[in-house]
Amino acid sequence: MPWFVVDDSAYAHPKFVIAGNAALGLWLRVGSYAAQHLTDGIVPGVIAKMYGTPAQIRKLVAAGLWHEHGHTCPHPKCAQPAPGDYYMHDYLDPYNPSRREVEARRDRAAEKKRKQRAGRPEQLPLDEPGDAPPPPRPSRDATSTIPADWQPAEADVESAQLARADAGLPQLTSQQLDTLTRRFVRRMTDDQVRAAAWGGRWQQWAERERTEPAPQPGGNVLQHPAMTKAQQQIAGLAELRQQMNGGQGA
């Protein structure tokens, strides 16, 4: 979509100062309309009244930013609008392209596309690079099974440890990392998994790895592997009673 182009220095022009900020807002809005609809600077009266107030329109005309029908502006590119319409002074000079120029540019772009689809691509200008070809998809030959001595990279370990910290999980020790890696390699080998890289898969294992809580200092932790939580609580109370009775049964 064409854009209404304005030189930055234009805002300091006396005409804009005379018109005021409200009228300047109308001038900008209608300029965008003219660029989008390729009116070559003609402002339909209905659009002017829709976007602005009669007072704002009068200020633009009085300041010389808009011309009414019958105007006497000496500028050669200031067209004569129809009765009830307006013309934006200096619209086509020097920044905004005319309707003919925009349509010619579109026709050239459409013709270029047509030739490309027909298999006869033309040489593109330096400022109009063609579409880059999509990257090739990795073939099966680029994948392989995991080596028996595979080890994660330092970056893989660091990423996994950071993810565990974010999830509130304890950091893995060197021994736990070695054990985890051996299990990972054995599982990938047994399942005959093929991949181009293994770091990402290993990180997922490491992030989900569960560890046994470390014993609390100052006491022994009894392990009850075959007990439910309620059974472990009962066993713990029984041991506490035994300790309070000097090692004799309660």
C-alpha atoms as a PDB file:
ATOM      1  CA  MET A   1       0.000   0.000   0.000  1.00  0.00           C
ATOM      2  CA  PRO A   2       1.461   3.421  -0.924  1.00  0.00           C
ATOM      3  CA  TRP A   3       2.360   5.740   1.919  1.00  0.00           C
ATOM      4  CA  PHE A   4       1.817   9.460   2.124  1.00  0.00           C
ATOM      5  CA  VAL A   5       5.344  10.891   2.278  1.00  0.00           C
ATOM      6  CA  VAL A   6       6.109  14.213   3.958  1.00  0.00           C
ATOM      7  CA  ASP A   7       9.455  15.946   4.251  1.00  0.00           C
ATOM      8  CA  ASP A   8      10.330  16.411   7.950  1.00  0.00           C
ATOM      9  CA  SER A   9      11.219  20.049   7.335  1.00  0.00           C
ATOM     10  CA  ALA A  10       7.676  20.722   6.117  1.00  0.00           C
ATOM     11  CA  TYR A  11       6.313  20.813   9.663  1.00  0.00           C
ATOM     12  CA  ALA A  12       8.214  24.031  10.314  1.00  0.00           C
ATOM     13  CA  HIS A  13       6.688  25.694   7.243  1.00  0.00           C
ATOM     14  CA  PRO A  14       4.639  28.832   8.024  1.00  0.00           C
ATOM     15  CA  LYS A  15       1.595  27.265   6.352  1.00  0.00           C
ATOM     16  CA  PHE A  16       1.453  24.535   8.996  1.00  0.00           C
ATOM     17  CA  VAL A  17       1.854  27.066  11.784  1.00  0.00           C
ATOM     18  CA  ILE A  18      -1.028  29.116  10.382  1.00  0.00           C
ATOM     19  CA  ALA A  19      -3.294  26.089   9.989  1.00  0.00           C
ATOM     20  CA  GLY A  20      -2.776  24.823  13.561  1.00  0.00           C
ATOM     21  CA  ASN A  21      -2.429  21.333  14.984  1.00  0.00           C
ATOM     22  CA  ALA A  22      -6.049  20.222  14.516  1.00  0.00           C
ATOM     23  CA  ALA A  23      -6.065  21.117  10.827  1.00  0.00           C
ATOM     24  CA  LEU A  24      -2.647  19.507  10.419  1.00  0.00           C
ATOM     25  CA  GLY A  25      -4.093  16.243  11.734  1.00  0.00           C
ATOM     26  CA  LEU A  26      -6.804  16.385   9.075  1.00  0.00           C
ATOM     27  CA  TRP A  27      -4.162  17.113   6.419  1.00  0.00           C
ATOM     28  CA  LEU A  28      -2.188  14.010   7.420  1.00  0.00           C
ATOM     29  CA  ARG A  29      -5.216  11.703   7.573  1.00  0.00           C
ATOM     30  CA  VAL A  30      -6.476  12.771   4.181  1.00  0.00           C
ATOM     31  CA  GLY A  31      -2.953  12.506   2.756  1.00  0.00           C
ATOM     32  CA  SER A  32      -2.880   8.847   3.782  1.00  0.00           C
ATOM     33  CA  TYR A  33      -6.285   8.349   2.146  1.00  0.00           C
ATOM     34  CA  ALA A  34      -5.042   9.922  -1.085  1.00  0.00           C
ATOM     35  CA  ALA A  35      -1.954   7.694  -1.121  1.00  0.00           C
ATOM     36  CA  GLN A  36      -3.934   4.521  -0.437  1.00  0.00           C
ATOM     37  CA  HIS A  37      -6.610   5.200  -3.062  1.00  0.00           C
ATOM     38  CA  LEU A  38      -4.259   6.771  -5.639  1.00  0.00           C
ATOM     39  CA  THR A  39      -6.236  10.013  -6.017  1.00  0.00           C
ATOM     40  CA  ASP A  40      -3.144  11.978  -7.166  1.00  0.00           C
ATOM     41  CA  GLY A  41      -3.825  14.538  -4.440  1.00  0.00           C
ATOM     42  CA  ILE A  42      -7.546  15.013  -5.071  1.00  0.00           C
ATOM     43  CA  VAL A  43      -9.557  15.136  -1.822  1.00  0.00           C
ATOM     44  CA  PRO A  44     -13.216  14.168  -2.285  1.00  0.00           C
ATOM     45  CA  GLY A  45     -15.460  16.580  -0.414  1.00  0.00           C
ATOM     46  CA  VAL A  46     -17.271  13.742   1.354  1.00  0.00           C
ATOM     47  CA  ILE A  47     -13.940  12.417   2.691  1.00  0.00           C
ATOM     48  CA  ALA A  48     -12.869  15.868   3.877  1.00  0.00           C
ATOM     49  CA  LYS A  49     -16.129  16.291   5.804  1.00  0.00           C
ATOM     50  CA  MET A  50     -15.929  12.750   7.171  1.00  0.00           C
ATOM     51  CA  TYR A  51     -12.388  13.162   8.547  1.00  0.00           C
ATOM     52  CA  GLY A  52     -12.483  16.804   9.660  1.00  0.00           C
ATOM     53  CA  THR A  53     -14.642  19.732  10.641  1.00  0.00           C
ATOM     54  CA  PRO A  54     -15.634  22.695   8.440  1.00  0.00           C
ATOM     55  CA  ALA A  55     -13.353  24.930  10.504  1.00  0.00           C
ATOM     56  CA  GLN A  56     -10.347  22.665   9.917  1.00  0.00           C
ATOM     57  CA  ILE A  57     -11.079  22.552   6.180  1.00  0.00           C
ATOM     58  CA  ARG A  58     -11.299  26.353   6.003  1.00  0.00           C
ATOM     59  CA  LYS A  59      -7.943  26.667   7.803  1.00  0.00           C
ATOM     60  CA  LEU A  60      -6.233  24.324   5.348  1.00  0.00           C
ATOM     61  CA  VAL A  61      -7.633  26.261   2.408  1.00  0.00           C
ATOM     62  CA  ALA A  62      -6.741  29.632   3.970  1.00  0.00           C
ATOM     63  CA  ALA A  63      -3.187  28.449   4.659  1.00  0.00           C
ATOM     64  CA  GLY A  64      -2.759  27.278   1.071  1.00  0.00           C
ATOM     65  CA  LEU A  65      -2.359  23.609   1.986  1.00  0.00           C
ATOM     66  CA  TRP A  66      -5.590  22.692   0.160  1.00  0.00           C
ATOM     67  CA  HIS A  67      -7.085  24.258  -2.974  1.00  0.00           C
ATOM     68  CA  GLU A  68     -10.763  24.597  -3.788  1.00  0.00           C
ATOM     69  CA  HIS A  69     -12.318  24.446  -7.244  1.00  0.00           C
ATOM     70  CA  GLY A  70     -11.306  27.480  -9.236  1.00  0.00           C
ATOM     71  CA  HIS A  71      -8.027  28.079  -7.385  1.00  0.00           C
ATOM     72  CA  THR A  72      -5.287  30.149  -9.042  1.00  0.00           C
ATOM     73  CA  CYS A  73      -2.195  28.420  -7.608  1.00  0.00           C
ATOM     74  CA  PRO A  74       0.653  28.839 -10.145  1.00  0.00           C
ATOM     75  CA  HIS A  75       2.221  25.458  -9.321  1.00  0.00           C
ATOM     76  CA  PRO A  76       2.089  23.357 -12.536  1.00  0.00           C
ATOM     77  CA  LYS A  77       1.225  20.132 -10.688  1.00  0.00           C
ATOM     78  CA  CYS A  78      -1.655  21.530  -8.615  1.00  0.00           C
ATOM     79  CA  ALA A  79      -4.649  20.073 -10.459  1.00  0.00           C
ATOM     80  CA  GLN A  80      -8.054  21.720 -10.549  1.00  0.00           C
ATOM     81  CA  PRO A  81     -10.512  19.739  -8.358  1.00  0.00           C
ATOM     82  CA  ALA A  82     -14.189  19.348  -9.144  1.00  0.00           C
ATOM     83  CA  PRO A  83     -16.680  21.630  -7.357  1.00  0.00           C
ATOM     84  CA  GLY A  84     -16.967  20.504  -3.725  1.00  0.00           C
ATOM     85  CA  ASP A  85     -13.624  18.667  -3.788  1.00  0.00           C
ATOM     86  CA  TYR A  86     -10.136  19.858  -2.811  1.00  0.00           C
ATOM     87  CA  TYR A  87      -6.573  19.395  -3.980  1.00  0.00           C
ATOM     88  CA  MET A  88      -3.534  18.940  -1.739  1.00  0.00           C
ATOM     89  CA  HIS A  89      -0.925  21.525  -2.668  1.00  0.00           C
ATOM     90  CA  ASP A  90       2.391  20.041  -3.937  1.00  0.00           C
ATOM     91  CA  TYR A  91       1.098  16.485  -3.482  1.00  0.00           C
ATOM     92  CA  LEU A  92       3.035  15.064  -6.454  1.00  0.00           C
ATOM     93  CA  ASP A  93       6.119  17.212  -5.975  1.00  0.00           C
ATOM     94  CA  PRO A  94       8.522  15.687  -5.116  1.00  0.00           C
ATOM     95  CA  TYR A  95       7.765  12.689  -2.881  1.00  0.00           C
ATOM     96  CA  ASN A  96       4.408  11.066  -3.637  1.00  0.00           C
ATOM     97  CA  PRO A  97       4.168   8.933  -6.809  1.00  0.00           C
ATOM     98  CA  SER A  98       1.281   9.420  -9.204  1.00  0.00           C
ATOM     99  CA  ARG A  99      -1.400   6.836  -9.863  1.00  0.00           C
ATOM    100  CA  ARG A 100       0.194   6.077 -13.232  1.00  0.00           C
ATOM    101  CA  GLU A 101       3.602   5.437 -11.654  1.00  0.00           C
ATOM    102  CA  VAL A 102       2.189   3.145  -8.957  1.00  0.00           C
ATOM    103  CA  GLU A 103       0.135   1.114 -11.458  1.00  0.00           C
ATOM    104  CA  ALA A 104       3.122   0.804 -13.807  1.00  0.00           C
ATOM    105  CA  ARG A 105       5.240  -0.477 -10.930  1.00  0.00           C
ATOM    106  CA  ARG A 106       2.578  -3.033 -10.063  1.00  0.00           C
ATOM    107  CA  ASP A 107       2.337  -4.171 -13.673  1.00  0.00           C
ATOM    108  CA  ARG A 108       6.109  -4.697 -13.828  1.00  0.00           C
ATOM    109  CA  ALA A 109       6.028  -6.725 -10.608  1.00  0.00           C
ATOM    110  CA  ALA A 110       3.139  -8.862 -11.913  1.00  0.00           C
ATOM    111  CA  GLU A 111       4.940  -9.465 -15.211  1.00  0.00           C
ATOM    112  CA  LYS A 112       8.084 -10.462 -13.355  1.00  0.00           C
ATOM    113  CA  LYS A 113       6.126 -12.994 -11.302  1.00  0.00           C
ATOM    114  CA  ARG A 114       4.444 -14.351 -14.421  1.00  0.00           C
ATOM    115  CA  LYS A 115       7.806 -14.969 -16.094  1.00  0.00           C
ATOM    116  CA  GLN A 116       9.179 -16.637 -12.974  1.00  0.00           C
ATOM    117  CA  ARG A 117       6.210 -19.008 -12.798  1.00  0.00           C
ATOM    118  CA  ALA A 118       6.637 -19.784 -16.501  1.00  0.00           C
ATOM    119  CA  GLY A 119      10.204 -20.912 -15.811  1.00  0.00           C
ATOM    120  CA  ARG A 120      11.894 -17.928 -17.388  1.00  0.00           C
ATOM    121  CA  PRO A 121      13.159 -15.920 -14.384  1.00  0.00           C
ATOM    122  CA  GLU A 122      14.615 -12.585 -15.336  1.00  0.00           C
ATOM    123  CA  GLN A 123      17.687 -10.993 -13.776  1.00  0.00           C
ATOM    124  CA  LEU A 124      16.549  -9.179 -10.659  1.00  0.00           C
ATOM    125  CA  PRO A 125      17.950  -5.738  -9.798  1.00  0.00           C
ATOM    126  CA  LEU A 126      20.372  -5.518  -6.898  1.00  0.00           C
ATOM    127  CA  ASP A 127      17.777  -3.733  -4.744  1.00  0.00           C
ATOM    128  CA  GLU A 128      15.143  -6.428  -5.359  1.00  0.00           C
ATOM    129  CA  PRO A 129      16.621  -9.784  -4.291  1.00  0.00           C
ATOM    130  CA  GLY A 130      14.681 -12.888  -5.169  1.00  0.00           C
ATOM    131  CA  ASP A 131      13.205 -15.295  -2.651  1.00  0.00           C
ATOM    132  CA  ALA A 132      15.904 -17.405  -1.024  1.00  0.00           C
ATOM    133  CA  PRO A 133      15.486 -21.174  -1.584  1.00  0.00           C
ATOM    134  CA  PRO A 134      14.282 -23.128   1.459  1.00  0.00           C
ATOM    135  CA  PRO A 135      16.998 -24.898   3.455  1.00  0.00           C
ATOM    136  CA  PRO A 136      17.429 -28.587   2.539  1.00  0.00           C
ATOM    137  CA  ARG A 137      15.742 -31.088   4.798  1.00  0.00           C
ATOM    138  CA  PRO A 138      18.128 -33.450   6.596  1.00  0.00           C
ATOM    139  CA  SER A 139      18.214 -36.893   4.995  1.00  0.00           C
ATOM    140  CA  ARG A 140      18.244 -40.186   6.858  1.00  0.00           C
ATOM    141  CA  ASP A 141      21.911 -40.525   5.998  1.00  0.00           C
ATOM    142  CA  ALA A 142      22.616 -37.542   8.266  1.00  0.00           C
ATOM    143  CA  THR A 143      21.359 -39.526  11.289  1.00  0.00           C
ATOM    144  CA  SER A 144      23.042 -42.363  13.103  1.00  0.00           C
ATOM    145  CA  THR A 145      22.731 -44.550  16.174  1.00  0.00           C
ATOM    146  CA  ILE A 146      24.277 -43.347  19.411  1.00  0.00           C
ATOM    147  CA  PRO A 147      27.947 -44.280  20.034  1.00  0.00           C
ATOM    148  CA  ALA A 148      28.590 -46.558  22.994  1.00  0.00           C
ATOM    149  CA  ASP A 149      30.958 -43.992  24.556  1.00  0.00           C
ATOM    150  CA  TRP A 150      28.733 -40.978  23.949  1.00  0.00           C
ATOM    151  CA  GLN A 151      28.977 -38.210  26.569  1.00  0.00           C
ATOM    152  CA  PRO A 152      26.991 -34.954  26.888  1.00  0.00           C
ATOM    153  CA  ALA A 153      28.730 -31.682  26.144  1.00  0.00           C
ATOM    154  CA  GLU A 154      29.370 -29.166  28.909  1.00  0.00           C
ATOM    155  CA  ALA A 155      26.680 -26.920  27.427  1.00  0.00           C
ATOM    156  CA  ASP A 156      24.151 -29.796  27.614  1.00  0.00           C
ATOM    157  CA  VAL A 157      24.964 -30.391  31.278  1.00  0.00           C
ATOM    158  CA  GLU A 158      24.764 -26.688  32.092  1.00  0.00           C
ATOM    159  CA  SER A 159      21.393 -26.307  30.360  1.00  0.00           C
ATOM    160  CA  ALA A 160      19.976 -29.325  32.178  1.00  0.00           C
ATOM    161  CA  GLN A 161      21.205 -28.121  35.576  1.00  0.00           C
ATOM    162  CA  LEU A 162      19.733 -24.651  34.962  1.00  0.00           C
ATOM    163  CA  ALA A 163      16.399 -26.196  33.988  1.00  0.00           C
ATOM    164  CA  ARG A 164      16.403 -28.294  37.170  1.00  0.00           C
ATOM    165  CA  ALA A 165      17.151 -25.203  39.250  1.00  0.00           C
ATOM    166  CA  ASP A 166      14.242 -23.358  37.634  1.00  0.00           C
ATOM    167  CA  ALA A 167      11.962 -26.309  38.415  1.00  0.00           C
ATOM    168  CA  GLY A 168      13.115 -26.456  42.055  1.00  0.00           C
ATOM    169  CA  LEU A 169      14.927 -29.790  41.622  1.00  0.00           C
ATOM    170  CA  PRO A 170      18.344 -30.549  43.171  1.00  0.00           C
ATOM    171  CA  GLN A 171      21.469 -30.412  41.050  1.00  0.00           C
ATOM    172  CA  LEU A 172      22.833 -33.719  39.781  1.00  0.00           C
ATOM    173  CA  THR A 173      26.203 -34.855  41.088  1.00  0.00           C
ATOM    174  CA  SER A 174      28.967 -36.176  38.829  1.00  0.00           C
ATOM    175  CA  GLN A 175      28.128 -39.740  39.828  1.00  0.00           C
ATOM    176  CA  GLN A 176      24.429 -39.199  39.103  1.00  0.00           C
ATOM    177  CA  LEU A 177      25.275 -37.660  35.696  1.00  0.00           C
ATOM    178  CA  ASP A 178      27.431 -40.687  34.812  1.00  0.00           C
ATOM    179  CA  THR A 179      24.695 -43.116  35.834  1.00  0.00           C
ATOM    180  CA  LEU A 180      22.078 -41.161  33.923  1.00  0.00           C
ATOM    181  CA  THR A 181      24.233 -41.068  30.788  1.00  0.00           C
ATOM    182  CA  ARG A 182      24.844 -44.826  30.855  1.00  0.00           C
ATOM    183  CA  ARG A 183      21.092 -45.471  31.142  1.00  0.00           C
ATOM    184  CA  PHE A 184      20.411 -43.008  28.334  1.00  0.00           C
ATOM    185  CA  VAL A 185      22.916 -44.622  25.944  1.00  0.00           C
ATOM    186  CA  ARG A 186      21.613 -48.114  26.767  1.00  0.00           C
ATOM    187  CA  ARG A 187      17.994 -47.047  26.161  1.00  0.00           C
ATOM    188  CA  MET A 188      18.754 -45.325  22.851  1.00  0.00           C
ATOM    189  CA  THR A 189      20.735 -48.388  21.734  1.00  0.00           C
ATOM    190  CA  ASP A 190      18.023 -50.869  22.741  1.00  0.00           C
ATOM    191  CA  ASP A 191      15.328 -48.845  20.959  1.00  0.00           C
ATOM    192  CA  GLN A 192      17.565 -48.411  17.875  1.00  0.00           C
ATOM    193  CA  VAL A 193      16.916 -44.692  17.852  1.00  0.00           C
ATOM    194  CA  ARG A 194      18.632 -42.673  15.113  1.00  0.00           C
ATOM    195  CA  ALA A 195      19.351 -38.962  15.410  1.00  0.00           C
ATOM    196  CA  ALA A 196      21.670 -36.272  14.075  1.00  0.00           C
ATOM    197  CA  ALA A 197      22.400 -34.999  17.602  1.00  0.00           C
ATOM    198  CA  TRP A 198      21.780 -36.375  21.078  1.00  0.00           C
ATOM    199  CA  GLY A 199      22.272 -33.409  23.398  1.00  0.00           C
ATOM    200  CA  GLY A 200      18.639 -32.282  23.359  1.00  0.00           C
ATOM    201  CA  ARG A 201      17.277 -35.761  24.116  1.00  0.00           C
ATOM    202  CA  TRP A 202      19.786 -36.215  26.938  1.00  0.00           C
ATOM    203  CA  GLN A 203      18.812 -32.852  28.452  1.00  0.00           C
ATOM    204  CA  GLN A 204      15.181 -33.982  28.653  1.00  0.00           C
ATOM    205  CA  TRP A 205      16.258 -37.056  30.602  1.00  0.00           C
ATOM    206  CA  ALA A 206      18.466 -35.020  32.920  1.00  0.00           C
ATOM    207  CA  GLU A 207      15.760 -32.418  33.578  1.00  0.00           C
ATOM    208  CA  ARG A 208      13.306 -35.129  34.662  1.00  0.00           C
ATOM    209  CA  GLU A 209      15.773 -37.211  36.685  1.00  0.00           C
ATOM    210  CA  ARG A 210      14.539 -37.854  40.239  1.00  0.00           C
ATOM    211  CA  THR A 211      17.044 -38.254  43.070  1.00  0.00           C
ATOM    212  CA  GLU A 212      16.771 -39.628  46.611  1.00  0.00           C
ATOM    213  CA  PRO A 213      16.784 -36.903  49.302  1.00  0.00           C
ATOM    214  CA  ALA A 214      20.074 -36.631  51.188  1.00  0.00           C
ATOM    215  CA  PRO A 215      20.108 -37.693  54.908  1.00  0.00           C
ATOM    216  CA  GLN A 216      19.523 -34.830  57.311  1.00  0.00           C
ATOM    217  CA  PRO A 217      22.526 -34.006  59.550  1.00  0.00           C
ATOM    218  CA  GLY A 218      22.327 -35.088  63.147  1.00  0.00           C
ATOM    219  CA  GLY A 219      20.327 -38.255  62.708  1.00  0.00           C
ATOM    220  CA  ASN A 220      19.841 -41.435  60.741  1.00  0.00           C
ATOM    221  CA  VAL A 221      17.115 -41.858  58.179  1.00  0.00           C
ATOM    222  CA  LEU A 222      15.383 -45.194  58.208  1.00  0.00           C
ATOM    223  CA  GLN A 223      14.578 -46.658  54.828  1.00  0.00           C
ATOM    224  CA  HIS A 224      11.290 -48.549  54.453  1.00  0.00           C
ATOM    225  CA  PRO A 225      11.273 -49.512  50.790  1.00  0.00           C
ATOM    226  CA  ALA A 226       8.283 -51.849  50.981  1.00  0.00           C
ATOM    227  CA  MET A 227       6.133 -49.700  53.316  1.00  0.00           C
ATOM    228  CA  THR A 228       3.434 -47.209  52.551  1.00  0.00           C
ATOM    229  CA  LYS A 229       3.692 -43.728  53.977  1.00  0.00           C
ATOM    230  CA  ALA A 230       1.317 -44.599  56.820  1.00  0.00           C
ATOM    231  CA  GLN A 231       3.331 -47.727  57.645  1.00  0.00           C
ATOM    232  CA  GLN A 232       6.546 -45.717  57.681  1.00  0.00           C
ATOM    233  CA  GLN A 233       4.996 -43.252  60.168  1.00  0.00           C
ATOM    234  CA  ILE A 234       3.915 -46.122  62.469  1.00  0.00           C
ATOM    235  CA  ALA A 235       7.366 -47.700  62.322  1.00  0.00           C
ATOM    236  CA  GLY A 236       8.988 -44.365  63.098  1.00  0.00           C
ATOM    237  CA  LEU A 237       6.766 -43.859  66.176  1.00  0.00           C
ATOM    238  CA  ALA A 238       7.601 -47.349  67.412  1.00  0.00           C
ATOM    239  CA  GLU A 239      11.334 -46.659  67.146  1.00  0.00           C
ATOM    240  CA  LEU A 240      10.879 -43.324  68.967  1.00  0.00           C
ATOM    241  CA  ARG A 241       9.068 -45.051  71.876  1.00  0.00           C
ATOM    242  CA  GLN A 242      11.851 -47.625  72.053  1.00  0.00           C
ATOM    243  CA  GLN A 243      14.502 -44.911  72.309  1.00  0.00           C
ATOM    244  CA  MET A 244      12.531 -43.085  75.050  1.00  0.00           C
ATOM    245  CA  ASN A 245      12.245 -46.330  77.107  1.00  0.00           C
ATOM    246  CA  GLY A 246      16.007 -46.880  77.058  1.00  0.00           C
ATOM    247  CA  GLY A 247      16.032 -49.379  74.250  1.00  0.00           C
ATOM    248  CA  GLN A 248      13.284 -51.604  75.769  1.00  0.00           C
ATOM    249  CA  GLY A 249       9.952 -52.300  74.055  1.00  0.00           C
ATOM    250  CA  ALA A 250       7.003 -50.016  74.886  1.00  0.00           C
END
